[in-house]
PDB file of N, CA and C in Angstrom:
ATOM      1  N   MET A   1      15.205 -42.817 116.787  1.00  0.00           N
ATOM      2  CA  MET A   1      15.550 -41.757 115.870  1.00  0.00           C
ATOM      3  C   MET A   1      14.461 -41.664 114.800  1.00  0.00           C
ATOM      4  N   ASP A   2      14.083 -40.473 114.446  1.00  0.00           N
ATOM      5  CA  ASP A   2      13.044 -40.243 113.443  1.00  0.00           C
ATOM      6  C   ASP A   2      13.548 -40.678 112.067  1.00  0.00           C
ATOM      7  N   SER A   3      12.753 -41.479 111.377  1.00  0.00           N
ATOM      8  CA  SER A   3      13.183 -41.971 110.067  1.00  0.00           C
ATOM      9  C   SER A   3      12.556 -41.187 108.915  1.00  0.00           C
ATOM     10  N   ASN A   4      11.889 -40.086 109.193  1.00  0.00           N
ATOM     11  CA  ASN A   4      11.218 -39.303 108.156  1.00  0.00           C
ATOM     12  C   ASN A   4      12.035 -38.092 107.733  1.00  0.00           C
ATOM     13  N   ILE A   5      13.304 -38.275 107.470  1.00  0.00           N
ATOM     14  CA  ILE A   5      14.157 -37.172 107.061  1.00  0.00           C
ATOM     15  C   ILE A   5      14.149 -37.121 105.539  1.00  0.00           C
ATOM     16  N   SER A   6      13.583 -36.057 105.000  1.00  0.00           N
ATOM     17  CA  SER A   6      13.494 -35.942 103.552  1.00  0.00           C
ATOM     18  C   SER A   6      14.455 -34.893 102.996  1.00  0.00           C
ATOM     19  N   THR A   7      14.937 -34.009 103.854  1.00  0.00           N
ATOM     20  CA  THR A   7      15.870 -32.982 103.429  1.00  0.00           C
ATOM     21  C   THR A   7      17.239 -33.605 103.186  1.00  0.00           C
ATOM     22  N   PRO A   8      17.882 -33.333 102.048  1.00  0.00           N
ATOM     23  CA  PRO A   8      19.235 -33.852 101.863  1.00  0.00           C
ATOM     24  C   PRO A   8      20.172 -33.183 102.866  1.00  0.00           C
ATOM     25  N   ALA A   9      20.545 -33.934 103.891  1.00  0.00           N
ATOM     26  CA  ALA A   9      21.360 -33.381 104.962  1.00  0.00           C
ATOM     27  C   ALA A   9      22.111 -34.500 105.678  1.00  0.00           C
ATOM     28  N   ILE A  10      23.209 -34.129 106.307  1.00  0.00           N
ATOM     29  CA  ILE A  10      23.907 -35.026 107.215  1.00  0.00           C
ATOM     30  C   ILE A  10      23.065 -35.092 108.484  1.00  0.00           C
ATOM     31  N   VAL A  11      22.855 -36.295 109.001  1.00  0.00           N
ATOM     32  CA  VAL A  11      22.093 -36.459 110.236  1.00  0.00           C
ATOM     33  C   VAL A  11      23.072 -36.513 111.403  1.00  0.00           C
ATOM     34  N   ILE A  12      22.813 -35.663 112.397  1.00  0.00           N
ATOM     35  CA  ILE A  12      23.651 -35.605 113.598  1.00  0.00           C
ATOM     36  C   ILE A  12      22.813 -36.064 114.780  1.00  0.00           C
ATOM     37  N   ALA A  13      23.326 -37.061 115.502  1.00  0.00           N
ATOM     38  CA  ALA A  13      22.608 -37.658 116.624  1.00  0.00           C
ATOM     39  C   ALA A  13      23.383 -37.436 117.922  1.00  0.00           C
ATOM     40  N   PRO A  14      23.173 -36.284 118.577  1.00  0.00           N
ATOM     41  CA  PRO A  14      23.836 -36.080 119.866  1.00  0.00           C
ATOM     42  C   PRO A  14      23.179 -36.941 120.944  1.00  0.00           C
ATOM     43  N   ILE A  15      23.998 -37.581 121.745  1.00  0.00           N
ATOM     44  CA  ILE A  15      23.512 -38.397 122.847  1.00  0.00           C
ATOM     45  C   ILE A  15      23.685 -37.565 124.115  1.00  0.00           C
ATOM     46  N   GLY A  16      22.590 -37.072 124.618  1.00  0.00           N
ATOM     47  CA  GLY A  16      22.643 -36.166 125.762  1.00  0.00           C
ATOM     48  C   GLY A  16      23.011 -34.763 125.306  1.00  0.00           C
ATOM     49  N   ASP A  17      23.465 -33.962 126.256  1.00  0.00           N
ATOM     50  CA  ASP A  17      23.791 -32.560 126.010  1.00  0.00           C
ATOM     51  C   ASP A  17      25.276 -32.435 125.672  1.00  0.00           C
ATOM     52  N   CYS A  18      25.616 -32.558 124.378  1.00  0.00           N
ATOM     53  CA  CYS A  18      27.035 -32.565 124.010  1.00  0.00           C
ATOM     54  C   CYS A  18      27.376 -31.661 122.834  1.00  0.00           C
ATOM     55  N   LEU A  19      26.407 -31.044 122.204  1.00  0.00           N
ATOM     56  CA  LEU A  19      26.700 -30.274 120.993  1.00  0.00           C
ATOM     57  C   LEU A  19      27.631 -29.100 121.225  1.00  0.00           C
ATOM     58  N   THR A  20      27.612 -28.515 122.409  1.00  0.00           N
ATOM     59  CA  THR A  20      28.526 -27.394 122.667  1.00  0.00           C
ATOM     60  C   THR A  20      29.983 -27.859 122.637  1.00  0.00           C
ATOM     61  N   VAL A  21      30.231 -29.103 123.041  1.00  0.00           N
ATOM     62  CA  VAL A  21      31.590 -29.659 123.011  1.00  0.00           C
ATOM     63  C   VAL A  21      32.093 -29.778 121.580  1.00  0.00           C
ATOM     64  N   TRP A  22      31.197 -30.069 120.646  1.00  0.00           N
ATOM     65  CA  TRP A  22      31.560 -30.388 119.260  1.00  0.00           C
ATOM     66  C   TRP A  22      31.166 -29.294 118.276  1.00  0.00           C
ATOM     67  N   GLN A  23      30.991 -28.078 118.720  1.00  0.00           N
ATOM     68  CA  GLN A  23      30.560 -26.971 117.874  1.00  0.00           C
ATOM     69  C   GLN A  23      31.466 -26.770 116.655  1.00  0.00           C
ATOM     70  N   GLU A  24      32.757 -26.976 116.808  1.00  0.00           N
ATOM     71  CA  GLU A  24      33.697 -26.799 115.688  1.00  0.00           C
ATOM     72  C   GLU A  24      33.420 -27.773 114.549  1.00  0.00           C
ATOM     73  N   VAL A  25      32.947 -28.972 114.866  1.00  0.00           N
ATOM     74  CA  VAL A  25      32.602 -29.938 113.818  1.00  0.00           C
ATOM     75  C   VAL A  25      31.436 -29.399 112.990  1.00  0.00           C
ATOM     76  N   LEU A  26      30.435 -28.865 113.671  1.00  0.00           N
ATOM     77  CA  LEU A  26      29.277 -28.299 112.970  1.00  0.00           C
ATOM     78  C   LEU A  26      29.700 -27.125 112.092  1.00  0.00           C
ATOM     79  N   LEU A  27      30.600 -26.301 112.591  1.00  0.00           N
ATOM     80  CA  LEU A  27      31.090 -25.172 111.798  1.00  0.00           C
ATOM     81  C   LEU A  27      31.850 -25.648 110.565  1.00  0.00           C
ATOM     82  N   GLY A  28      32.592 -26.739 110.703  1.00  0.00           N
ATOM     83  CA  GLY A  28      33.308 -27.309 109.558  1.00  0.00           C
ATOM     84  C   GLY A  28      32.356 -27.795 108.480  1.00  0.00           C
ATOM     85  N   ILE A  29      31.234 -28.391 108.885  1.00  0.00           N
ATOM     86  CA  ILE A  29      30.225 -28.827 107.921  1.00  0.00           C
ATOM     87  C   ILE A  29      29.629 -27.613 107.220  1.00  0.00           C
ATOM     88  N   GLU A  30      29.300 -26.596 107.994  1.00  0.00           N
ATOM     89  CA  GLU A  30      28.727 -25.365 107.427  1.00  0.00           C
ATOM     90  C   GLU A  30      29.681 -24.704 106.432  1.00  0.00           C
ATOM     91  N   GLU A  31      30.978 -24.699 106.742  1.00  0.00           N
ATOM     92  CA  GLU A  31      31.977 -24.104 105.839  1.00  0.00           C
ATOM     93  C   GLU A  31      31.934 -24.724 104.460  1.00  0.00           C
ATOM     94  N   GLU A  32      31.623 -26.002 104.389  1.00  0.00           N
ATOM     95  CA  GLU A  32      31.579 -26.714 103.115  1.00  0.00           C
ATOM     96  C   GLU A  32      30.215 -26.592 102.429  1.00  0.00           C
ATOM     97  N   GLY A  33      29.266 -25.941 103.105  1.00  0.00           N
ATOM     98  CA  GLY A  33      27.968 -25.686 102.496  1.00  0.00           C
ATOM     99  C   GLY A  33      27.014 -26.867 102.454  1.00  0.00           C
ATOM    100  N   ILE A  34      27.213 -27.835 103.322  1.00  0.00           N
ATOM    101  CA  ILE A  34      26.329 -29.000 103.371  1.00  0.00           C
ATOM    102  C   ILE A  34      25.386 -28.844 104.573  1.00  0.00           C
ATOM    103  N   PRO A  35      24.079 -29.010 104.364  1.00  0.00           N
ATOM    104  CA  PRO A  35      23.149 -28.889 105.485  1.00  0.00           C
ATOM    105  C   PRO A  35      23.219 -30.098 106.411  1.00  0.00           C
ATOM    106  N   PHE A  36      22.784 -29.889 107.649  1.00  0.00           N
ATOM    107  CA  PHE A  36      22.668 -30.995 108.597  1.00  0.00           C
ATOM    108  C   PHE A  36      21.395 -30.816 109.406  1.00  0.00           C
ATOM    109  N   VAL A  37      20.888 -31.938 109.906  1.00  0.00           N
ATOM    110  CA  VAL A  37      19.741 -31.935 110.807  1.00  0.00           C
ATOM    111  C   VAL A  37      20.157 -32.634 112.087  1.00  0.00           C
ATOM    112  N   ILE A  38      19.609 -32.170 113.185  1.00  0.00           N
ATOM    113  CA  ILE A  38      19.952 -32.737 114.491  1.00  0.00           C
ATOM    114  C   ILE A  38      18.789 -33.585 114.975  1.00  0.00           C
ATOM    115  N   GLN A  39      19.092 -34.832 115.319  1.00  0.00           N
ATOM    116  CA  GLN A  39      18.129 -35.797 115.841  1.00  0.00           C
ATOM    117  C   GLN A  39      18.617 -36.262 117.213  1.00  0.00           C
ATOM    118  N   PRO A  40      18.289 -35.524 118.282  1.00  0.00           N
ATOM    119  CA  PRO A  40      18.798 -35.872 119.615  1.00  0.00           C
ATOM    120  C   PRO A  40      18.373 -37.267 120.078  1.00  0.00           C
ATOM    121  N   GLN A  41      19.249 -37.872 120.865  1.00  0.00           N
ATOM    122  CA  GLN A  41      18.986 -39.161 121.502  1.00  0.00           C
ATOM    123  C   GLN A  41      19.274 -39.031 122.984  1.00  0.00           C
ATOM    124  N   SER A  42      18.569 -39.812 123.781  1.00  0.00           N
ATOM    125  CA  SER A  42      18.830 -39.745 125.218  1.00  0.00           C
ATOM    126  C   SER A  42      19.934 -40.716 125.641  1.00  0.00           C
ATOM    127  N   VAL A  43      20.024 -41.863 124.982  1.00  0.00           N
ATOM    128  CA  VAL A  43      21.060 -42.856 125.300  1.00  0.00           C
ATOM    129  C   VAL A  43      21.468 -43.583 124.028  1.00  0.00           C
ATOM    130  N   GLY A  44      22.590 -44.304 124.095  1.00  0.00           N
ATOM    131  CA  GLY A  44      23.018 -45.121 122.967  1.00  0.00           C
ATOM    132  C   GLY A  44      24.522 -45.190 122.839  1.00  0.00           C
ATOM    133  N   ASP A  45      24.975 -46.149 122.044  1.00  0.00           N
ATOM    134  CA  ASP A  45      26.382 -46.310 121.710  1.00  0.00           C
ATOM    135  C   ASP A  45      26.712 -45.344 120.574  1.00  0.00           C
ATOM    136  N   VAL A  46      27.805 -44.615 120.691  1.00  0.00           N
ATOM    137  CA  VAL A  46      28.139 -43.574 119.717  1.00  0.00           C
ATOM    138  C   VAL A  46      28.368 -44.155 118.321  1.00  0.00           C
ATOM    139  N   VAL A  47      29.092 -45.241 118.214  1.00  0.00           N
ATOM    140  CA  VAL A  47      29.393 -45.815 116.901  1.00  0.00           C
ATOM    141  C   VAL A  47      28.113 -46.314 116.233  1.00  0.00           C
ATOM    142  N   HIS A  48      27.311 -47.061 116.945  1.00  0.00           N
ATOM    143  CA  HIS A  48      26.069 -47.574 116.373  1.00  0.00           C
ATOM    144  C   HIS A  48      25.107 -46.434 116.045  1.00  0.00           C
ATOM    145  N   SER A  49      25.039 -45.435 116.896  1.00  0.00           N
ATOM    146  CA  SER A  49      24.162 -44.282 116.646  1.00  0.00           C
ATOM    147  C   SER A  49      24.598 -43.515 115.399  1.00  0.00           C
ATOM    148  N   ALA A  50      25.904 -43.407 115.175  1.00  0.00           N
ATOM    149  CA  ALA A  50      26.401 -42.728 113.972  1.00  0.00           C
ATOM    150  C   ALA A  50      26.033 -43.514 112.724  1.00  0.00           C
ATOM    151  N   TRP A  51      26.142 -44.844 112.784  1.00  0.00           N
ATOM    152  CA  TRP A  51      25.765 -45.662 111.639  1.00  0.00           C
ATOM    153  C   TRP A  51      24.260 -45.558 111.373  1.00  0.00           C
ATOM    154  N   GLN A  52      23.462 -45.559 112.437  1.00  0.00           N
ATOM    155  CA  GLN A  52      22.014 -45.381 112.284  1.00  0.00           C
ATOM    156  C   GLN A  52      21.702 -44.028 111.651  1.00  0.00           C
ATOM    157  N   ALA A  53      22.393 -42.993 112.095  1.00  0.00           N
ATOM    158  CA  ALA A  53      22.191 -41.656 111.539  1.00  0.00           C
ATOM    159  C   ALA A  53      22.543 -41.649 110.047  1.00  0.00           C
ATOM    160  N   ALA A  54      23.628 -42.321 109.682  1.00  0.00           N
ATOM    161  CA  ALA A  54      24.011 -42.404 108.269  1.00  0.00           C
ATOM    162  C   ALA A  54      22.953 -43.150 107.458  1.00  0.00           C
ATOM    163  N   SER A  55      22.358 -44.158 108.062  1.00  0.00           N
ATOM    164  CA  SER A  55      21.306 -44.918 107.385  1.00  0.00           C
ATOM    165  C   SER A  55      20.062 -44.080 107.142  1.00  0.00           C
ATOM    166  N   LEU A  56      19.819 -43.112 108.019  1.00  0.00           N
ATOM    167  CA  LEU A  56      18.653 -42.232 107.876  1.00  0.00           C
ATOM    168  C   LEU A  56      18.912 -41.045 106.966  1.00  0.00           C
ATOM    169  N   SER A  57      20.177 -40.709 106.782  1.00  0.00           N
ATOM    170  CA  SER A  57      20.529 -39.527 106.006  1.00  0.00           C
ATOM    171  C   SER A  57      20.377 -39.775 104.513  1.00  0.00           C
ATOM    172  N   PRO A  58      19.656 -38.901 103.808  1.00  0.00           N
ATOM    173  CA  PRO A  58      19.605 -39.014 102.356  1.00  0.00           C
ATOM    174  C   PRO A  58      20.995 -38.879 101.713  1.00  0.00           C
ATOM    175  N   LEU A  59      21.939 -38.283 102.439  1.00  0.00           N
ATOM    176  CA  LEU A  59      23.312 -38.124 101.938  1.00  0.00           C
ATOM    177  C   LEU A  59      24.233 -39.262 102.371  1.00  0.00           C
ATOM    178  N   LEU A  60      23.703 -40.206 103.158  1.00  0.00           N
ATOM    179  CA  LEU A  60      24.412 -41.410 103.608  1.00  0.00           C
ATOM    180  C   LEU A  60      25.518 -41.145 104.622  1.00  0.00           C
ATOM    181  N   VAL A  61      25.544 -39.954 105.225  1.00  0.00           N
ATOM    182  CA  VAL A  61      26.558 -39.603 106.209  1.00  0.00           C
ATOM    183  C   VAL A  61      25.866 -39.266 107.527  1.00  0.00           C
ATOM    184  N   GLY A  62      26.358 -39.867 108.608  1.00  0.00           N
ATOM    185  CA  GLY A  62      25.791 -39.611 109.926  1.00  0.00           C
ATOM    186  C   GLY A  62      26.880 -39.362 110.945  1.00  0.00           C
ATOM    187  N   ILE A  63      26.528 -38.575 111.945  1.00  0.00           N
ATOM    188  CA  ILE A  63      27.450 -38.251 113.034  1.00  0.00           C
ATOM    189  C   ILE A  63      26.716 -38.482 114.345  1.00  0.00           C
ATOM    190  N   ALA A  64      27.399 -39.079 115.295  1.00  0.00           N
ATOM    191  CA  ALA A  64      26.858 -39.193 116.646  1.00  0.00           C
ATOM    192  C   ALA A  64      27.949 -38.769 117.612  1.00  0.00           C
ATOM    193  N   CYS A  65      27.523 -38.247 118.755  1.00  0.00           N
ATOM    194  CA  CYS A  65      28.498 -37.794 119.743  1.00  0.00           C
ATOM    195  C   CYS A  65      27.911 -37.885 121.140  1.00  0.00           C
ATOM    196  N   ASP A  66      28.815 -38.005 122.091  1.00  0.00           N
ATOM    197  CA  ASP A  66      28.500 -37.776 123.485  1.00  0.00           C
ATOM    198  C   ASP A  66      29.566 -36.813 123.985  1.00  0.00           C
ATOM    199  N   ARG A  67      29.692 -36.613 125.249  1.00  0.00           N
ATOM    200  CA  ARG A  67      30.648 -35.618 125.751  1.00  0.00           C
ATOM    201  C   ARG A  67      32.104 -36.083 125.610  1.00  0.00           C
ATOM    202  N   GLU A  68      32.321 -37.377 125.388  1.00  0.00           N
ATOM    203  CA  GLU A  68      33.673 -37.932 125.303  1.00  0.00           C
ATOM    204  C   GLU A  68      34.161 -38.175 123.875  1.00  0.00           C
ATOM    205  N   LYS A  69      33.232 -38.499 122.956  1.00  0.00           N
ATOM    206  CA  LYS A  69      33.630 -38.973 121.636  1.00  0.00           C
ATOM    207  C   LYS A  69      32.639 -38.519 120.570  1.00  0.00           C
ATOM    208  N   LEU A  70      33.162 -38.306 119.353  1.00  0.00           N
ATOM    209  CA  LEU A  70      32.341 -38.013 118.183  1.00  0.00           C
ATOM    210  C   LEU A  70      32.747 -38.979 117.078  1.00  0.00           C
ATOM    211  N   VAL A  71      31.758 -39.523 116.382  1.00  0.00           N
ATOM    212  CA  VAL A  71      32.001 -40.492 115.322  1.00  0.00           C
ATOM    213  C   VAL A  71      31.294 -40.039 114.053  1.00  0.00           C
ATOM    214  N   VAL A  72      32.017 -40.082 112.927  1.00  0.00           N
ATOM    215  CA  VAL A  72      31.441 -39.834 111.610  1.00  0.00           C
ATOM    216  C   VAL A  72      31.352 -41.191 110.922  1.00  0.00           C
ATOM    217  N   HIS A  73      30.158 -41.513 110.407  1.00  0.00           N
ATOM    218  CA  HIS A  73      29.954 -42.808 109.773  1.00  0.00           C
ATOM    219  C   HIS A  73      29.369 -42.622 108.378  1.00  0.00           C
ATOM    220  N   TYR A  74      29.622 -43.608 107.533  1.00  0.00           N
ATOM    221  CA  TYR A  74      29.093 -43.649 106.179  1.00  0.00           C
ATOM    222  C   TYR A  74      28.257 -44.919 106.060  1.00  0.00           C
ATOM    223  N   LYS A  75      27.076 -44.811 105.506  1.00  0.00           N
ATOM    224  CA  LYS A  75      26.126 -45.919 105.476  1.00  0.00           C
ATOM    225  C   LYS A  75      26.695 -47.187 104.851  1.00  0.00           C
ATOM    226  N   ASN A  76      27.557 -47.065 103.853  1.00  0.00           N
ATOM    227  CA  ASN A  76      28.070 -48.239 103.149  1.00  0.00           C
ATOM    228  C   ASN A  76      29.234 -48.921 103.850  1.00  0.00           C
ATOM    229  N   LEU A  77      29.635 -48.425 105.007  1.00  0.00           N
ATOM    230  CA  LEU A  77      30.682 -49.077 105.796  1.00  0.00           C
ATOM    231  C   LEU A  77      30.044 -50.014 106.815  1.00  0.00           C
ATOM    232  N   PRO A  78      30.778 -51.042 107.249  1.00  0.00           N
ATOM    233  CA  PRO A  78      30.247 -51.891 108.314  1.00  0.00           C
ATOM    234  C   PRO A  78      29.985 -51.059 109.576  1.00  0.00           C
ATOM    235  N   THR A  79      28.985 -51.454 110.326  1.00  0.00           N
ATOM    236  CA  THR A  79      28.606 -50.712 111.530  1.00  0.00           C
ATOM    237  C   THR A  79      29.793 -50.481 112.457  1.00  0.00           C
ATOM    238  N   SER A  80      30.640 -51.470 112.600  1.00  0.00           N
ATOM    239  CA  SER A  80      31.756 -51.388 113.551  1.00  0.00           C
ATOM    240  C   SER A  80      32.977 -50.652 113.003  1.00  0.00           C
ATOM    241  N   ALA A  81      32.889 -50.089 111.787  1.00  0.00           N
ATOM    242  CA  ALA A  81      34.045 -49.443 111.164  1.00  0.00           C
ATOM    243  C   ALA A  81      33.730 -48.002 110.753  1.00  0.00           C
ATOM    244  N   PRO A  82      33.649 -47.086 111.725  1.00  0.00           N
ATOM    245  CA  PRO A  82      33.350 -45.693 111.379  1.00  0.00           C
ATOM    246  C   PRO A  82      34.485 -45.055 110.580  1.00  0.00           C
ATOM    247  N   LEU A  83      34.141 -43.987 109.881  1.00  0.00           N
ATOM    248  CA  LEU A  83      35.107 -43.291 109.047  1.00  0.00           C
ATOM    249  C   LEU A  83      36.087 -42.465 109.885  1.00  0.00           C
ATOM    250  N   PHE A  84      35.566 -41.669 110.806  1.00  0.00           N
ATOM    251  CA  PHE A  84      36.395 -40.833 111.682  1.00  0.00           C
ATOM    252  C   PHE A  84      35.899 -40.948 113.118  1.00  0.00           C
ATOM    253  N   THR A  85      36.847 -40.917 114.055  1.00  0.00           N
ATOM    254  CA  THR A  85      36.509 -40.887 115.479  1.00  0.00           C
ATOM    255  C   THR A  85      37.364 -39.816 116.140  1.00  0.00           C
ATOM    256  N   LEU A  86      36.724 -38.944 116.900  1.00  0.00           N
ATOM    257  CA  LEU A  86      37.417 -37.904 117.661  1.00  0.00           C
ATOM    258  C   LEU A  86      37.157 -38.102 119.140  1.00  0.00           C
ATOM    259  N   THR A  87      38.126 -37.718 119.961  1.00  0.00           N
ATOM    260  CA  THR A  87      37.883 -37.667 121.396  1.00  0.00           C
ATOM    261  C   THR A  87      37.862 -36.205 121.822  1.00  0.00           C
ATOM    262  N   TYR A  88      37.302 -35.941 122.980  1.00  0.00           N
ATOM    263  CA  TYR A  88      37.184 -34.559 123.455  1.00  0.00           C
ATOM    264  C   TYR A  88      38.546 -33.902 123.635  1.00  0.00           C
ATOM    265  N   ARG A  89      39.615 -34.679 123.687  1.00  0.00           N
ATOM    266  CA  ARG A  89      40.964 -34.121 123.893  1.00  0.00           C
ATOM    267  C   ARG A  89      41.548 -33.481 122.637  1.00  0.00           C
ATOM    268  N   GLN A  90      40.975 -33.783 121.471  1.00  0.00           N
ATOM    269  CA  GLN A  90      41.546 -33.259 120.233  1.00  0.00           C
ATOM    270  C   GLN A  90      41.245 -31.776 120.074  1.00  0.00           C
ATOM    271  N   ASN A  91      42.151 -31.090 119.399  1.00  0.00           N
ATOM    272  CA  ASN A  91      42.057 -29.632 119.320  1.00  0.00           C
ATOM    273  C   ASN A  91      40.957 -29.168 118.360  1.00  0.00           C
ATOM    274  N   SER A  92      40.703 -27.872 118.377  1.00  0.00           N
ATOM    275  CA  SER A  92      39.610 -27.318 117.583  1.00  0.00           C
ATOM    276  C   SER A  92      39.873 -27.425 116.080  1.00  0.00           C
ATOM    277  N   LEU A  93      41.131 -27.397 115.655  1.00  0.00           N
ATOM    278  CA  LEU A  93      41.439 -27.562 114.234  1.00  0.00           C
ATOM    279  C   LEU A  93      41.083 -28.971 113.762  1.00  0.00           C
ATOM    280  N   ASP A  94      41.398 -29.992 114.566  1.00  0.00           N
ATOM    281  CA  ASP A  94      41.010 -31.360 114.231  1.00  0.00           C
ATOM    282  C   ASP A  94      39.496 -31.486 114.149  1.00  0.00           C
ATOM    283  N   ARG A  95      38.808 -30.838 115.065  1.00  0.00           N
ATOM    284  CA  ARG A  95      37.342 -30.886 115.076  1.00  0.00           C
ATOM    285  C   ARG A  95      36.771 -30.220 113.829  1.00  0.00           C
ATOM    286  N   ARG A  96      37.286 -29.058 113.486  1.00  0.00           N
ATOM    287  CA  ARG A  96      36.804 -28.340 112.303  1.00  0.00           C
ATOM    288  C   ARG A  96      37.087 -29.156 111.043  1.00  0.00           C
ATOM    289  N   SER A  97      38.298 -29.724 110.942  1.00  0.00           N
ATOM    290  CA  SER A  97      38.656 -30.535 109.773  1.00  0.00           C
ATOM    291  C   SER A  97      37.778 -31.780 109.663  1.00  0.00           C
ATOM    292  N   THR A  98      37.391 -32.348 110.773  1.00  0.00           N
ATOM    293  CA  THR A  98      36.507 -33.517 110.743  1.00  0.00           C
ATOM    294  C   THR A  98      35.140 -33.133 110.184  1.00  0.00           C
ATOM    295  N   GLY A  99      34.636 -31.974 110.575  1.00  0.00           N
ATOM    296  CA  GLY A  99      33.390 -31.483 109.997  1.00  0.00           C
ATOM    297  C   GLY A  99      33.528 -31.220 108.513  1.00  0.00           C
ATOM    298  N   ASN A 100      34.647 -30.597 108.115  1.00  0.00           N
ATOM    299  CA  ASN A 100      34.911 -30.382 106.692  1.00  0.00           C
ATOM    300  C   ASN A 100      34.907 -31.715 105.939  1.00  0.00           C
ATOM    301  N   ASN A 101      35.575 -32.714 106.514  1.00  0.00           N
ATOM    302  CA  ASN A 101      35.703 -34.005 105.839  1.00  0.00           C
ATOM    303  C   ASN A 101      34.374 -34.756 105.747  1.00  0.00           C
ATOM    304  N   ALA A 102      33.524 -34.623 106.744  1.00  0.00           N
ATOM    305  CA  ALA A 102      32.193 -35.232 106.664  1.00  0.00           C
ATOM    306  C   ALA A 102      31.436 -34.634 105.480  1.00  0.00           C
ATOM    307  N   ALA A 103      31.529 -33.320 105.321  1.00  0.00           N
ATOM    308  CA  ALA A 103      30.858 -32.640 104.208  1.00  0.00           C
ATOM    309  C   ALA A 103      31.525 -32.982 102.878  1.00  0.00           C
ATOM    310  N   ARG A 104      32.839 -33.117 102.870  1.00  0.00           N
ATOM    311  CA  ARG A 104      33.561 -33.449 101.650  1.00  0.00           C
ATOM    312  C   ARG A 104      33.231 -34.868 101.176  1.00  0.00           C
ATOM    313  N   LEU A 105      32.924 -35.750 102.101  1.00  0.00           N
ATOM    314  CA  LEU A 105      32.474 -37.085 101.729  1.00  0.00           C
ATOM    315  C   LEU A 105      31.201 -36.977 100.889  1.00  0.00           C
ATOM    316  N   VAL A 106      30.288 -36.120 101.315  1.00  0.00           N
ATOM    317  CA  VAL A 106      29.045 -35.896 100.567  1.00  0.00           C
ATOM    318  C   VAL A 106      29.348 -35.327  99.185  1.00  0.00           C
ATOM    319  N   LYS A 107      30.274 -34.384  99.119  1.00  0.00           N
ATOM    320  CA  LYS A 107      30.613 -33.727  97.853  1.00  0.00           C
ATOM    321  C   LYS A 107      31.432 -34.611  96.919  1.00  0.00           C
ATOM    322  N   GLY A 108      32.073 -35.627  97.475  1.00  0.00           N
ATOM    323  CA  GLY A 108      32.919 -36.497  96.661  1.00  0.00           C
ATOM    324  C   GLY A 108      34.256 -35.871  96.317  1.00  0.00           C
ATOM    325  N   ILE A 109      34.770 -35.002  97.204  1.00  0.00           N
ATOM    326  CA  ILE A 109      36.073 -34.383  96.974  1.00  0.00           C
ATOM    327  C   ILE A 109      37.053 -34.866  98.040  1.00  0.00           C
ATOM    328  N   PRO A 110      38.368 -34.737  97.804  1.00  0.00           N
ATOM    329  CA  PRO A 110      39.363 -35.253  98.756  1.00  0.00           C
ATOM    330  C   PRO A 110      39.222 -34.649 100.153  1.00  0.00           C
ATOM    331  N   PHE A 111      39.565 -35.460 101.139  1.00  0.00           N
ATOM    332  CA  PHE A 111      39.537 -35.031 102.536  1.00  0.00           C
ATOM    333  C   PHE A 111      40.680 -34.067 102.825  1.00  0.00           C
ATOM    334  N   ARG A 112      40.460 -33.269 103.854  1.00  0.00           N
ATOM    335  CA  ARG A 112      41.542 -32.455 104.399  1.00  0.00           C
ATOM    336  C   ARG A 112      42.369 -33.316 105.329  1.00  0.00           C
ATOM    337  N   ASP A 113      43.670 -33.102 105.310  1.00  0.00           N
ATOM    338  CA  ASP A 113      44.563 -33.859 106.193  1.00  0.00           C
ATOM    339  C   ASP A 113      44.410 -33.328 107.608  1.00  0.00           C
ATOM    340  N   LEU A 114      44.090 -34.221 108.548  1.00  0.00           N
ATOM    341  CA  LEU A 114      43.935 -33.812 109.940  1.00  0.00           C
ATOM    342  C   LEU A 114      45.273 -33.436 110.574  1.00  0.00           C
ATOM    343  N   ASN A 115      46.371 -33.873 109.978  1.00  0.00           N
ATOM    344  CA  ASN A 115      47.684 -33.598 110.571  1.00  0.00           C
ATOM    345  C   ASN A 115      48.396 -32.432 109.919  1.00  0.00           C
ATOM    346  N   ALA A 116      47.752 -31.782 108.954  1.00  0.00           N
ATOM    347  CA  ALA A 116      48.417 -30.671 108.257  1.00  0.00           C
ATOM    348  C   ALA A 116      48.251 -29.370 109.010  1.00  0.00           C
TER     349      ALA A 116
END
């Protein structure tokens, strides 16, 4: 993963061709007005890749995904303890709310309830 990210943005690390599956998450981030950059990866563990992305992000928030799972991580959390994990089975509202919540973490405002 490229470590020269200078733009204040959430770093998103898709593993393989999976961004179309998780488009609602990206839209949720955009709704909150937080920029993101995409740093594609060819292989890797989703949880570790999300933590690495958070470590590279000037905003300390990283997301990694494959076709089965999406993980939102915060740099100050242990590598094995991501903030949010979604599976491809979850609905589009959960996906959008997860994107909102990733951006809200950056803003320092309360999360949206995924069950509301």
